[in-house]
């Protein structure tokens, strides 16, 4: 019997492209993190509900499910603003949005030297 490795798989590139295009790895990581954080009694039902919320948010009639609370978001901002200036550089802002799973930014930042206020950050997250 001959075993096929992933490297020998003729569809490997197609599968990798599909996973990347549909952000499946990110979705599974977010679902898994949320599942382990919440530890619901019925994990299957919880995951079904999270997927339903993701679909609703994609269809733009609901907020996406999130692992983070407003307090968590504020804590992340405060960690990125150690001098307590109530603003952070745009690169830190974008990194924070990625960390929080916010995919649609309220604003596209062209100027990498721009600073984002805490109010703007909290309104987006």
Protein backbone atom coordinates (compact mmCIF):
# COMPACT_ATOMS: atom_id res chain seq x y z
CA UNK A 1 0.00 0.00 0.00
CA UNK A 2 1.39 3.39 -1.03
CA UNK A 3 0.78 6.32 1.28
CA UNK A 4 0.39 9.81 -0.13
CA UNK A 5 1.90 12.69 1.78
CA UNK A 6 0.52 16.18 1.75
CA UNK A 7 3.49 17.23 -0.39
CA UNK A 8 2.51 14.70 -3.06
CA UNK A 9 -1.13 15.73 -3.13
CA UNK A 10 -2.01 17.09 -6.59
CA UNK A 11 -4.60 19.48 -5.10
CA UNK A 12 -2.29 20.89 -2.40
CA UNK A 13 -1.90 24.30 -4.03
CA UNK A 14 -5.60 24.49 -4.83
CA UNK A 15 -6.50 23.69 -1.22
CA UNK A 16 -3.97 26.19 0.16
CA UNK A 17 -5.34 28.90 -2.13
CA UNK A 18 -8.91 28.08 -1.06
CA UNK A 19 -8.04 28.22 2.65
CA UNK A 20 -6.26 31.54 2.22
CA UNK A 21 -8.94 33.11 0.00
CA UNK A 22 -11.75 32.24 2.41
CA UNK A 23 -9.66 32.91 5.56
CA UNK A 24 -10.60 29.50 6.90
CA UNK A 25 -7.55 29.23 9.15
CA UNK A 26 -8.42 32.56 10.82
CA UNK A 27 -12.06 31.57 11.20
CA UNK A 28 -11.17 28.24 12.80
CA UNK A 29 -8.66 29.90 15.11
CA UNK A 30 -11.26 32.47 16.21
CA UNK A 31 -13.93 29.82 16.72
CA UNK A 32 -11.55 27.60 18.69
CA UNK A 33 -10.32 30.49 20.85
CA UNK A 34 -13.88 31.56 21.57
CA UNK A 35 -14.91 28.00 22.37
CA UNK A 36 -12.05 27.52 24.85
CA UNK A 37 -12.63 30.93 26.40
CA UNK A 38 -16.39 30.43 26.89
CA UNK A 39 -16.34 26.66 27.55
CA UNK A 40 -20.08 26.26 26.90
CA UNK A 41 -21.94 23.17 28.10
CA UNK A 42 -22.91 22.30 24.54
CA UNK A 43 -19.87 23.07 22.34
CA UNK A 44 -21.51 21.93 19.11
CA UNK A 45 -24.53 24.17 19.62
CA UNK A 46 -22.21 27.04 20.61
CA UNK A 47 -20.19 26.67 17.39
CA UNK A 48 -23.37 26.48 15.31
CA UNK A 49 -24.55 29.73 16.91
CA UNK A 50 -21.19 31.41 16.31
CA UNK A 51 -21.31 30.42 12.64
CA UNK A 52 -24.87 31.75 12.41
CA UNK A 53 -23.68 35.07 13.88
CA UNK A 54 -20.76 35.17 11.43
CA UNK A 55 -23.16 34.64 8.54
CA UNK A 56 -25.50 37.35 9.86
CA UNK A 57 -22.60 39.79 10.20
CA UNK A 58 -21.46 38.96 6.68
CA UNK A 59 -24.97 39.73 5.48
CA UNK A 60 -24.62 43.06 7.36
CA UNK A 61 -27.58 42.81 9.69
CA UNK A 62 -25.72 41.85 12.87
CA UNK A 63 -22.49 42.51 14.71
CA UNK A 64 -19.87 39.78 14.31
CA UNK A 65 -19.30 37.53 17.33
CA UNK A 66 -16.25 38.51 19.29
CA UNK A 67 -14.13 37.03 22.02
CA UNK A 68 -13.26 40.45 23.41
CA UNK A 69 -15.34 42.77 25.56
CA UNK A 70 -15.15 46.56 25.53
CA UNK A 71 -12.97 46.35 28.64
CA UNK A 72 -10.60 43.98 26.82
CA UNK A 73 -10.42 46.38 23.87
CA UNK A 74 -9.64 49.29 26.18
CA UNK A 75 -6.95 47.25 27.95
CA UNK A 76 -5.32 46.48 24.60
CA UNK A 77 -5.36 50.19 23.73
CA UNK A 78 -3.80 51.09 27.09
CA UNK A 79 -1.03 48.53 26.54
CA UNK A 80 -0.31 50.11 23.16
CA UNK A 81 -0.28 53.59 24.76
CA UNK A 82 2.22 53.21 27.64
CA UNK A 83 2.84 56.99 27.82
CA UNK A 84 -0.91 57.58 28.29
CA UNK A 85 -1.19 60.09 25.44
CA UNK A 86 -4.65 58.77 24.50
CA UNK A 87 -3.43 58.12 20.97
CA UNK A 88 -1.50 55.36 19.26
CA UNK A 89 0.42 55.17 15.97
CA UNK A 90 -1.58 53.89 13.01
CA UNK A 91 0.48 50.69 12.72
CA UNK A 92 -0.37 49.77 16.33
CA UNK A 93 -4.00 50.69 15.67
CA UNK A 94 -4.21 48.36 12.68
CA UNK A 95 -2.48 45.59 14.63
CA UNK A 96 -4.99 46.04 17.47
CA UNK A 97 -7.90 45.80 15.02
CA UNK A 98 -6.47 42.58 13.62
CA UNK A 99 -6.01 41.21 17.14
CA UNK A 100 -9.60 42.03 17.99
CA UNK A 101 -10.88 40.51 14.76
CA UNK A 102 -12.25 43.77 13.39
CA UNK A 103 -12.00 43.29 9.64
CA UNK A 104 -13.75 46.41 8.40
CA UNK A 105 -11.90 49.51 9.54
CA UNK A 106 -13.80 52.76 9.87
CA UNK A 107 -10.94 54.44 8.07
CA UNK A 108 -8.11 53.41 5.77
CA UNK A 109 -4.83 54.87 6.92
CA UNK A 110 -2.51 55.98 4.16
CA UNK A 111 -0.25 58.04 6.40
CA UNK A 112 1.73 55.62 8.55
CA UNK A 113 2.82 58.53 10.79
CA UNK A 114 -0.78 59.30 11.74
CA UNK A 115 -1.95 58.83 15.33
CA UNK A 116 -5.36 57.43 16.26
CA UNK A 117 -7.19 58.73 19.32
CA UNK A 118 -8.61 56.43 21.96
CA UNK A 119 -12.14 57.68 21.11
CA UNK A 120 -11.76 56.74 17.44
CA UNK A 121 -10.31 53.35 18.40
CA UNK A 122 -13.13 52.57 20.86
CA UNK A 123 -15.80 53.61 18.33
CA UNK A 124 -14.37 51.21 15.75
CA UNK A 125 -13.98 48.26 18.11
